[in-house]
Protein backbone atom coordinates (compact mmCIF):
# COMPACT_ATOMS: atom_id res chain seq x y z
CA MET A 1 3.54 -28.93 50.23
CA SER A 2 2.96 -30.10 46.72
CA LEU A 3 4.32 -28.02 43.77
CA THR A 4 0.81 -27.24 42.59
CA VAL A 5 -0.26 -25.82 45.96
CA ALA A 6 3.08 -23.91 46.30
CA GLY A 7 2.60 -22.44 42.80
CA LYS A 8 -0.96 -21.47 43.66
CA ALA A 9 0.11 -19.83 46.90
CA MET A 10 2.78 -17.93 44.96
CA THR A 11 0.20 -16.78 42.43
CA GLU A 12 -2.06 -15.56 45.25
CA PHE A 13 0.90 -13.66 46.76
CA GLU A 14 1.80 -12.14 43.41
CA GLU A 15 -1.79 -11.10 42.90
CA LYS A 16 -1.92 -9.53 46.41
CA LEU A 17 1.35 -7.64 45.66
CA ARG A 18 0.02 -6.42 42.29
CA GLN A 19 -3.22 -5.21 44.02
CA GLN A 20 -1.23 -3.36 46.56
CA HIS A 21 0.88 -1.60 43.89
CA GLU A 22 -2.27 -0.67 42.03
CA ASP A 23 -4.13 0.66 45.12
CA SER A 24 -0.97 2.67 46.04
CA MET A 25 -0.76 4.11 42.57
CA HIS A 26 -4.44 5.12 42.59
CA ARG A 27 -4.04 6.83 45.97
CA GLU A 28 -1.03 8.80 44.71
CA LEU A 29 -2.89 9.91 41.52
CA GLU A 30 -5.80 11.13 43.56
CA ALA A 31 -3.50 13.09 45.85
CA LEU A 32 -1.84 14.73 42.80
CA LEU A 33 -5.22 15.79 41.45
CA THR A 34 -5.83 17.78 44.57
CA THR A 35 -2.77 20.06 43.76
CA THR A 36 -4.50 21.76 40.78
CA ASN A 37 -7.67 23.66 39.98
CA LYS A 38 -10.96 21.93 39.09
CA ALA A 39 -10.75 22.45 35.27
CA GLU A 40 -7.17 21.12 35.12
CA ALA A 41 -8.09 18.29 37.32
CA GLU A 42 -10.91 17.19 34.98
CA ILE A 43 -8.53 17.07 32.02
CA SER A 44 -5.91 15.21 34.03
CA ARG A 45 -8.46 12.70 35.30
CA LYS A 46 -9.14 11.60 31.75
CA ASP A 47 -5.40 11.19 31.17
CA PHE A 48 -5.10 9.20 34.46
CA ASP A 49 -7.93 6.85 33.44
CA GLY A 50 -5.82 5.86 30.47
CA PHE A 51 -2.66 5.65 32.55
CA LYS A 52 -4.43 3.41 35.18
CA LYS A 53 -5.41 0.98 32.39
CA LEU A 54 -1.83 0.88 31.12
CA PHE A 55 -0.37 0.50 34.57
CA HIS A 56 -2.77 -2.36 35.33
CA ARG A 57 -1.68 -4.23 32.18
CA PHE A 58 1.94 -3.50 32.94
CA LEU A 59 1.57 -5.24 36.36
CA GLN A 60 -0.06 -8.22 34.56
CA VAL A 61 2.54 -8.77 31.90
CA LYS A 62 5.13 -11.45 32.37
CA GLY A 63 8.02 -11.95 29.94
CA PRO A 64 8.08 -11.03 26.24
CA SER A 65 4.73 -10.33 24.61
CA VAL A 66 5.39 -12.60 21.60
CA ASP A 67 6.02 -16.33 21.38
CA TRP A 68 8.92 -16.44 18.92
CA ALA A 69 7.92 -19.82 17.51
CA LYS A 70 4.53 -18.37 16.38
CA ILE A 71 6.06 -15.61 14.17
CA ASN A 72 5.61 -16.02 10.46
CA ARG A 73 6.36 -13.94 7.42
CA PRO A 74 3.13 -12.18 6.23
CA PRO A 75 1.55 -13.58 3.01
CA GLU A 76 2.33 -11.48 -0.09
CA GLU A 77 -1.21 -10.18 -0.49
CA LEU A 78 -0.95 -8.53 3.00
CA ILE A 79 2.14 -6.53 2.02
CA GLN A 80 1.69 -5.18 -1.47
CA PRO A 81 4.40 -3.55 -3.52
CA TYR A 82 3.78 0.18 -4.15
CA ASP A 83 3.96 -0.42 -7.95
CA ARG A 84 0.90 -2.70 -7.82
CA ILE A 85 -1.06 0.06 -5.84
CA LYS A 86 0.17 2.70 -8.36
CA ALA A 87 -0.92 0.54 -11.33
CA ARG A 88 -4.57 0.96 -10.18
CA GLY A 89 -4.29 4.65 -11.12
CA LEU A 90 -5.59 7.80 -9.56
CA PRO A 91 -9.01 8.41 -8.10
CA ASP A 92 -11.68 9.26 -10.64
CA ASN A 93 -12.44 12.50 -8.90
CA ILE A 94 -9.34 13.43 -6.92
CA ALA A 95 -11.13 16.30 -5.06
CA VAL A 96 -13.90 13.99 -3.84
CA SER A 97 -11.40 11.53 -2.46
CA LEU A 98 -9.23 14.29 -0.92
CA ASN A 99 -12.25 15.78 0.81
CA LYS A 100 -12.62 12.51 2.82
CA LEU A 101 -9.02 12.81 4.11
CA ALA A 102 -7.39 14.64 7.01
CA VAL A 103 -3.58 14.87 7.49
CA VAL A 104 -2.34 14.20 11.07
CA LYS A 105 1.17 15.10 12.00
CA LEU A 106 2.78 13.77 15.29
CA ASN A 107 4.04 17.00 16.83
CA GLY A 108 4.83 16.03 20.43
CA GLY A 109 8.67 16.01 20.24
CA LEU A 110 11.16 18.67 21.31
CA GLY A 111 14.39 19.49 19.44
CA THR A 112 16.68 18.85 22.50
CA SER A 113 18.67 16.02 20.79
CA MET A 114 19.68 18.64 18.17
CA GLY A 115 20.44 21.28 20.76
CA CYS A 116 17.28 23.32 20.23
CA LYS A 117 14.64 24.57 22.66
CA GLY A 118 10.97 24.18 21.94
CA PRO A 119 9.07 22.01 19.40
CA LYS A 120 11.24 20.12 16.94
CA SER A 121 8.70 21.13 14.12
CA LEU A 122 9.94 24.73 14.45
CA ILE A 123 13.61 24.02 13.45
CA SER A 124 14.53 25.42 10.10
CA VAL A 125 15.38 22.71 7.64
CA ARG A 126 15.43 24.20 4.16
CA ASN A 127 15.49 27.79 2.87
CA GLU A 128 14.48 28.96 6.34
CA ASN A 129 11.35 26.80 6.14
CA THR A 130 10.59 24.79 9.33
CA PHE A 131 9.07 21.27 9.28
CA LEU A 132 5.73 22.94 10.00
CA ASP A 133 6.15 25.46 7.21
CA LEU A 134 6.88 22.66 4.75
CA THR A 135 3.86 20.63 5.91
CA VAL A 136 1.50 23.60 5.55
CA LYS A 137 2.85 24.41 2.13
CA GLN A 138 2.40 20.74 1.00
CA ILE A 139 -1.27 20.63 2.04
CA GLU A 140 -2.00 24.12 0.71
CA HIS A 141 -0.57 23.11 -2.64
CA LEU A 142 -2.84 20.02 -2.58
CA ASN A 143 -5.90 22.02 -1.77
CA LYS A 144 -5.23 24.64 -4.41
CA THR A 145 -4.35 22.20 -7.12
CA PHE A 146 -7.39 20.05 -6.70
CA ASN A 147 -9.75 22.57 -5.21
CA ALA A 148 -9.99 20.36 -2.13
CA ASP A 149 -10.35 20.77 1.64
CA VAL A 150 -7.78 18.65 3.40
CA PRO A 151 -7.30 19.84 6.96
CA LEU A 152 -4.04 19.60 9.01
CA VAL A 153 -4.31 18.13 12.44
CA LEU A 154 -1.37 18.45 14.88
CA MET A 155 -1.15 16.10 17.91
CA ASN A 156 0.86 18.22 20.30
CA SER A 157 2.19 17.30 23.74
CA PHE A 158 2.22 19.47 26.84
CA ASN A 159 5.84 20.19 25.87
CA THR A 160 4.94 21.61 22.45
CA ASP A 161 1.40 22.89 22.55
CA GLU A 162 1.94 26.46 23.82
CA ASP A 163 4.84 27.29 21.36
CA THR A 164 3.10 25.58 18.40
CA LYS A 165 -0.25 27.48 18.92
CA LYS A 166 1.67 30.79 18.93
CA ILE A 167 3.25 30.00 15.59
CA LEU A 168 -0.10 28.92 14.00
CA GLN A 169 -1.17 32.60 13.85
CA LYS A 170 1.16 33.04 10.84
CA TYR A 171 -0.86 30.56 8.69
CA LYS A 172 -4.19 32.28 9.09
CA HIS A 173 -4.36 33.32 5.47
CA HIS A 174 -3.22 29.92 4.05
CA GLN A 175 -5.70 27.73 2.31
CA VAL A 176 -5.42 25.05 5.14
CA LYS A 177 -7.58 24.53 8.15
CA ILE A 178 -5.41 23.63 11.16
CA HIS A 179 -6.70 21.79 14.23
CA THR A 180 -4.76 20.78 17.26
CA PHE A 181 -5.29 18.34 20.12
CA ASN A 182 -3.05 17.28 22.95
CA GLN A 183 -1.82 13.75 23.72
CA SER A 184 -1.99 12.68 27.30
CA ARG A 185 0.31 13.57 30.16
CA TYR A 186 1.42 10.57 32.24
CA PRO A 187 3.53 10.43 35.39
CA ARG A 188 6.93 8.94 35.33
CA ILE A 189 7.27 6.03 37.67
CA ASN A 190 10.02 5.32 40.24
CA LYS A 191 11.60 2.03 39.11
CA GLU A 192 11.94 0.76 42.66
CA SER A 193 8.74 1.79 44.35
CA LEU A 194 6.49 1.76 41.27
CA LEU A 195 4.99 5.07 42.39
CA PRO A 196 4.90 8.45 40.62
CA ILE A 197 7.86 10.81 41.17
CA ALA A 198 5.66 13.91 40.76
CA LYS A 199 4.94 16.01 43.84
CA SER A 200 2.30 18.10 42.17
CA MET A 201 0.52 18.53 38.75
CA GLY A 202 2.85 21.29 37.72
CA THR A 203 5.36 20.82 34.90
CA SER A 204 7.94 23.42 35.78
CA GLY A 205 10.94 23.55 38.02
CA GLU A 206 11.78 20.38 39.88
CA ASN A 207 8.59 18.79 38.68
CA ALA A 208 9.47 19.20 35.06
CA GLU A 209 10.99 15.75 34.75
CA ALA A 210 8.08 14.06 36.48
CA TRP A 211 5.81 13.97 33.45
CA TYR A 212 6.05 12.57 29.88
CA PRO A 213 3.83 12.21 26.79
CA PRO A 214 3.21 8.46 26.45
CA GLY A 215 4.27 7.70 22.93
CA HIS A 216 2.27 8.15 19.72
CA GLY A 217 -0.03 5.10 20.46
CA ASP A 218 -1.90 7.50 22.68
CA ILE A 219 -3.32 9.17 19.54
CA TYR A 220 -6.40 6.95 19.47
CA ALA A 221 -7.67 7.78 23.01
CA SER A 222 -6.60 11.47 23.02
CA PHE A 223 -8.06 12.13 19.57
CA HIS A 224 -11.33 10.52 20.62
CA ASN A 225 -11.40 12.29 23.99
CA SER A 226 -10.69 15.67 22.37
CA GLY A 227 -13.93 15.59 20.35
CA LEU A 228 -12.00 16.17 17.17
CA LEU A 229 -12.55 12.61 15.90
CA ASP A 230 -16.37 13.05 15.98
CA LYS A 231 -15.98 16.55 14.45
CA LEU A 232 -14.05 15.26 11.47
CA ILE A 233 -16.48 12.36 10.94
CA ALA A 234 -19.36 14.85 10.99
CA GLU A 235 -17.53 16.81 8.24
CA GLY A 236 -17.45 13.73 6.06
CA LYS A 237 -13.78 12.74 6.65
CA GLU A 238 -13.21 8.92 6.44
CA TYR A 239 -9.52 8.52 6.69
CA ILE A 240 -6.47 10.12 8.37
CA PHE A 241 -2.95 10.00 7.03
CA VAL A 242 -0.71 9.98 10.11
CA SER A 243 3.06 10.53 10.04
CA ASN A 244 5.96 11.98 12.11
CA ILE A 245 6.39 15.75 11.43
CA ASP A 246 10.07 15.29 11.01
CA ASN A 247 9.62 12.85 8.12
CA LEU A 248 9.98 15.03 5.05
CA GLY A 249 9.12 12.16 2.73
CA ALA A 250 5.62 11.68 4.24
CA THR A 251 3.39 13.50 1.72
CA VAL A 252 -0.13 12.63 0.76
CA ASP A 253 0.04 9.84 -1.88
CA LEU A 254 -2.93 9.86 -4.23
CA PHE A 255 -2.36 6.29 -5.33
CA ILE A 256 -2.65 4.86 -1.87
CA LEU A 257 -5.70 7.13 -1.24
CA ASN A 258 -7.29 5.74 -4.38
CA HIS A 259 -6.62 2.17 -3.16
CA LEU A 260 -8.51 2.99 0.06
CA MET A 261 -11.38 4.75 -1.56
CA SER A 262 -12.01 2.27 -4.41
CA GLN A 263 -12.58 -0.76 -2.19
CA PRO A 264 -16.17 -2.07 -1.80
CA ALA A 265 -17.63 -1.02 1.56
CA ASP A 266 -17.59 -4.52 3.05
CA LYS A 267 -14.00 -5.09 2.10
CA ARG A 268 -12.80 -1.60 3.02
CA CYS A 269 -9.15 -1.61 4.29
CA GLU A 270 -9.22 0.14 7.77
CA PHE A 271 -5.39 0.41 8.16
CA ILE A 272 -2.45 0.75 5.84
CA MET A 273 1.10 0.80 7.15
CA GLU A 274 3.74 2.09 4.77
CA VAL A 275 6.78 -0.08 5.03
CA THR A 276 10.12 0.17 3.08
CA ASP A 277 13.12 -2.04 2.57
CA LYS A 278 15.57 -2.20 5.45
CA THR A 279 19.15 -1.10 5.11
CA ARG A 280 21.92 -1.57 7.76
CA ALA A 281 20.88 1.78 9.23
CA ASP A 282 17.32 0.64 10.00
CA VAL A 283 17.94 -2.72 11.82
CA LYS A 284 16.17 -1.51 14.95
CA GLY A 285 13.02 -0.43 13.15
CA GLY A 286 9.71 -2.29 13.81
CA THR A 287 8.67 -4.86 11.27
CA LEU A 288 5.41 -6.49 10.11
CA ILE A 289 4.79 -10.11 10.98
CA GLN A 290 1.95 -12.65 10.68
CA TYR A 291 1.00 -13.68 14.25
CA GLU A 292 -2.01 -15.83 15.15
CA ASP A 293 -3.65 -14.97 11.80
CA HIS A 294 -3.25 -11.22 12.23
CA LEU A 295 -0.83 -8.73 10.77
CA ARG A 296 1.12 -7.32 13.62
CA LEU A 297 3.88 -4.78 14.30
CA LEU A 298 6.85 -6.35 16.02
CA GLU A 299 9.14 -3.79 17.82
CA ILE A 300 12.67 -4.53 19.05
CA ALA A 301 11.50 -4.02 22.66
CA GLN A 302 9.14 -7.04 22.29
CA VAL A 303 11.81 -9.35 21.00
CA PRO A 304 13.27 -11.99 23.48
CA LYS A 305 17.00 -11.31 24.04
CA ALA A 306 18.02 -14.55 22.41
CA HIS A 307 16.41 -13.38 19.16
CA VAL A 308 17.50 -9.83 18.93
CA ASP A 309 20.24 -10.53 16.34
CA GLU A 310 17.69 -12.50 14.23
CA PHE A 311 15.27 -9.50 14.45
CA LYS A 312 18.11 -7.21 13.15
CA SER A 313 18.85 -9.44 10.23
CA VAL A 314 18.21 -7.79 6.89
CA THR A 315 17.58 -11.16 5.26
CA LYS A 316 14.86 -12.49 7.55
CA PHE A 317 13.06 -9.23 8.27
CA LYS A 318 13.44 -7.26 4.97
CA ILE A 319 11.12 -4.28 5.72
CA PHE A 320 10.50 -1.76 8.47
CA ASN A 321 7.72 0.52 9.53
CA THR A 322 8.04 4.12 8.31
CA ASN A 323 5.24 5.25 10.69
CA ASN A 324 3.29 6.64 7.63
CA LEU A 325 -0.15 5.20 8.41
CA TRP A 326 -3.59 5.51 6.70
CA ILE A 327 -6.38 4.82 9.24
CA SER A 328 -10.21 4.72 9.02
CA LEU A 329 -11.89 7.29 11.27
CA PRO A 330 -15.09 5.27 11.81
CA ALA A 331 -12.91 2.21 12.70
CA ILE A 332 -11.07 4.24 15.38
CA LYS A 333 -14.36 5.45 16.88
CA ARG A 334 -15.73 1.84 16.90
CA LEU A 335 -12.59 0.41 18.54
CA GLN A 336 -12.37 3.21 21.10
CA GLU A 337 -16.02 2.96 22.10
CA LYS A 338 -15.70 -0.85 22.52
CA ASN A 339 -12.45 -0.39 24.38
CA SER A 340 -10.88 -3.06 22.07
CA MET A 341 -7.76 -1.24 20.92
CA ASP A 342 -5.09 -3.60 22.00
CA LEU A 343 -1.60 -2.00 22.02
CA GLU A 344 1.50 -3.67 23.48
CA ILE A 345 3.16 -1.74 26.23
CA ILE A 346 6.67 -0.50 25.67
CA VAL A 347 8.52 -0.05 28.97
CA ASN A 348 11.04 2.80 28.50
CA PRO A 349 13.66 3.07 31.17
CA LYS A 350 15.24 6.47 31.81
CA THR A 351 17.81 7.85 34.22
CA LEU A 352 17.05 11.34 35.27
CA ASP A 353 19.69 14.16 35.99
CA GLY A 354 19.96 13.28 39.69
CA GLY A 355 20.56 9.56 38.90
CA LEU A 356 17.03 8.44 39.71
CA ASN A 357 15.87 5.46 37.61
CA VAL A 358 12.39 5.75 36.34
CA ILE A 359 10.14 3.99 33.77
CA GLN A 360 7.77 5.39 31.20
CA LEU A 361 4.93 3.25 29.93
CA GLU A 362 4.42 3.93 26.26
CA THR A 363 2.53 2.52 23.21
CA ALA A 364 3.18 2.87 19.46
CA VAL A 365 0.49 4.03 17.01
CA GLY A 366 1.35 1.21 14.51
CA ALA A 367 0.85 -1.51 17.12
CA ALA A 368 -2.91 -1.09 16.66
CA ILE A 369 -2.73 -2.64 13.18
CA LYS A 370 -3.94 -5.99 14.51
CA SER A 371 -7.18 -4.45 15.80
CA PHE A 372 -8.38 -3.15 12.45
CA ASN A 373 -10.19 -5.11 9.65
CA ASN A 374 -8.47 -5.87 6.33
CA ALA A 375 -5.22 -4.15 7.42
CA MET A 376 -2.28 -4.34 5.09
CA GLY A 377 1.18 -3.04 4.47
CA VAL A 378 2.37 -1.24 1.33
CA ASN A 379 6.09 -1.51 0.46
CA VAL A 380 6.80 2.11 -0.56
CA PRO A 381 9.94 3.58 -2.17
CA ARG A 382 12.59 4.79 0.28
CA SER A 383 11.84 8.33 -0.80
CA ARG A 384 8.73 8.31 1.36
CA PHE A 385 11.01 7.88 4.44
CA LEU A 386 13.20 10.96 4.92
CA PRO A 387 13.40 11.60 8.67
CA VAL A 388 15.55 14.33 10.19
CA LYS A 389 16.81 13.05 13.53
CA THR A 390 20.36 14.34 13.56
CA SER A 391 22.54 17.05 12.04
CA SER A 392 23.78 14.41 9.54
CA ASP A 393 20.19 14.10 8.28
CA LEU A 394 19.87 17.85 8.23
CA LEU A 395 22.99 18.21 6.00
CA LEU A 396 21.49 15.74 3.43
CA VAL A 397 18.14 17.67 3.24
CA MET A 398 19.81 21.09 3.04
CA SER A 399 22.06 20.08 0.23
CA ASN A 400 21.65 20.04 -3.54
CA LEU A 401 20.79 16.31 -3.35
CA TYR A 402 17.25 17.52 -2.97
CA THR A 403 15.06 20.05 -4.82
CA LEU A 404 12.15 21.80 -2.93
CA ASP A 405 8.84 22.31 -4.73
CA ALA A 406 5.60 23.32 -3.01
CA GLY A 407 6.86 22.17 0.36
CA SER A 408 7.99 18.69 -0.95
CA LEU A 409 11.53 17.53 -1.17
CA THR A 410 12.48 15.25 -4.09
CA MET A 411 15.84 13.70 -5.06
CA SER A 412 17.62 15.90 -7.65
CA LYS A 413 17.40 14.49 -11.21
CA LYS A 414 21.13 15.27 -11.45
CA ARG A 415 22.08 12.61 -8.92
CA GLU A 416 22.97 9.36 -10.70
CA PHE A 417 22.14 7.07 -7.76
CA LEU A 418 18.80 6.89 -6.11
CA THR A 419 20.28 6.11 -2.74
CA THR A 420 21.38 8.94 -0.37
CA PRO A 421 25.04 9.18 0.72
CA HIS A 422 25.98 7.82 4.13
CA VAL A 423 26.86 10.78 6.35
CA LYS A 424 28.42 10.61 9.76
CA LEU A 425 29.13 13.99 11.42
CA GLY A 426 31.02 14.05 14.84
CA SER A 427 29.98 15.55 18.11
CA SER A 428 31.13 19.08 17.14
CA PHE A 429 28.13 19.16 14.72
CA THR A 430 25.40 17.73 17.01
CA LYS A 431 23.76 21.08 17.93
CA VAL A 432 22.02 22.87 15.08
CA GLN A 433 23.59 26.29 15.82
CA GLU A 434 27.14 24.71 15.92
CA PHE A 435 26.40 22.73 12.80
CA LEU A 436 25.34 25.84 10.83
CA ALA A 437 28.37 27.82 12.01
CA ARG A 438 30.68 25.20 10.58
CA PHE A 439 29.44 25.68 6.89
CA GLU A 440 29.75 28.93 4.99
CA ASN A 441 27.34 27.21 2.70
CA ILE A 442 26.29 23.61 2.17
CA PRO A 443 28.73 21.65 -0.01
CA ASP A 444 27.84 20.24 -3.39
CA MET A 445 27.04 16.53 -2.60
CA LEU A 446 25.56 15.32 -5.82
CA GLU A 447 28.30 12.76 -6.42
CA LEU A 448 29.03 11.93 -2.76
CA ASP A 449 28.78 8.25 -1.49
CA HIS A 450 30.15 8.51 1.97
CA LEU A 451 31.16 11.40 4.27
CA THR A 452 32.72 11.07 7.78
CA VAL A 453 33.69 14.24 9.62
CA SER A 454 35.15 14.19 13.20
CA GLY A 455 36.58 17.00 15.29
CA ASP A 456 37.01 20.72 14.82
CA VAL A 457 36.31 21.08 11.05
CA THR A 458 34.87 24.01 9.07
CA PHE A 459 33.85 24.28 5.47
CA GLY A 460 34.40 27.35 3.24
CA LYS A 461 32.12 28.42 0.44
CA ASN A 462 31.42 26.28 -2.64
CA VAL A 463 33.15 23.10 -1.43
CA SER A 464 32.49 20.03 -3.52
CA LEU A 465 32.39 16.50 -2.06
CA LYS A 466 32.55 13.40 -4.22
CA GLY A 467 32.96 9.61 -3.72
CA THR A 468 34.17 8.82 -0.17
CA VAL A 469 35.52 11.68 1.91
CA ILE A 470 36.82 11.29 5.46
CA ILE A 471 37.94 14.36 7.40
CA ILE A 472 39.36 13.78 10.86
CA ALA A 473 40.76 16.64 13.10
CA ASN A 474 42.62 15.10 16.00
CA HIS A 475 42.10 16.55 19.53
CA GLY A 476 43.57 20.10 19.65
CA ASP A 477 43.85 20.30 15.79
CA ARG A 478 41.58 22.28 13.48
CA ILE A 479 40.90 21.71 9.79
CA ASP A 480 39.49 24.45 7.64
CA ILE A 481 38.49 23.19 4.19
CA PRO A 482 39.20 26.17 1.92
CA ALA A 483 36.53 27.84 -0.29
CA GLY A 484 36.16 26.20 -3.73
CA ALA A 485 37.91 23.04 -2.56
CA MET A 486 37.03 19.80 -4.44
CA LEU A 487 37.51 16.60 -2.36
CA GLU A 488 37.13 13.38 -4.23
CA ASN A 489 37.96 10.03 -2.56
CA LYS A 490 40.08 11.80 0.04
CA ILE A 491 41.15 11.30 3.58
CA VAL A 492 42.04 14.63 5.34
CA SER A 493 43.72 13.96 8.67
CA GLY A 494 44.74 16.20 11.58
CA ASN A 495 48.06 17.22 10.13
CA LEU A 496 46.26 18.48 6.94
CA ARG A 497 47.88 15.90 4.62
CA ILE A 498 45.50 15.04 1.70
CA LEU A 499 45.73 11.36 0.65
CA ASP A 500 43.96 9.41 -2.02
CA HIS A 501 41.28 7.13 -0.53
């Protein structure tokens, strides 16, 4: 048999196998729909339509989705410095521009990594304000200051929807309209059989681990399917500003808004991604590249193994995606209706409690940048990227490094350096409740450069930390930093000796 004929036979075999997997998946999904009531099944059928498309593409994909040799650095005009955007000034009529905007917060995540139950947005981060409180205050301040009507839209997941809706009652008298919609619910797939692990459509008990929200790239389809996209367009909204709800730096920027609104209609920018300069802490963050004449988001999951170190290099790829995005609503509608939103699939492997290996098929909201017209990046100051992913981040935002005004956190003018200190708290601080119990109040950190804390350590009232401070309690030891202590360039070790750094 010639190689060509053998290759063809192999392709036919692969195609047959793919078709079998797809048919089996479709049968399983239909069977799942019979385990719920008619109304629920209708909603889930829409979700499953999106999942089937993703699964079909997943079976087609071979190897990395990018050819490394085709990657180029984007031309300067496609990633503009923030100062150039700012130099164009504010909108002539700020209220008119703001009235064409809606703010969308990605609110699908739980606070489990920080030891909390329920939506992450309900964790207290500053003066007993939650992420959601701060967001509502920011938008209310904007609406009051400029006599505008910017609504807040929350993209919830099946994990966060119920708890979030209960809390929304408390904002009834605030000057902010709040809308919610749910992202899709997709079935986790057994890595070996490529079939759903779900036994029914329920999300409780043994079945709880069978479902997942499929990443924030799902925003386009679920926003469109919810009817909210059409509703906002009918109300005269032209753009959404999208960001993660745990990024406390992601506030509405009037200069970027002006840049969008002041373009001629035919040259209107349909998508802006805010990027910022990489530090060593951000080496895994997605970056913007020029690829086949398009601006494109490159995520670490798409990088061929041989080039991962190159991708992480701070010299070659100097910027990363903050996930603060400005997107045209009519453009989303156009691309959804033409079914031409092309998002790379992220295959996310997980091992469940019982040791079962599953995969989740996900997409990222920023990956759609290549589908929009006149898309660009704006290199913003680091202050617009202030995510709270860990208790170390929480310590920074709770401290006197930041001042809180109308829901927005800004670096204190008393700090001499614009960069934040590098903070590494050990496993005794991971859970929020444990973290809070270890501080009588948050130390003065205005002059801190670096803090490492490991082991059983507690802080008394009015402690001051300066320069580089390392506190390590060995196993079985405990260190209590006394009230009023001032540690400057000190190493405090398990036997309580205090040494100069």
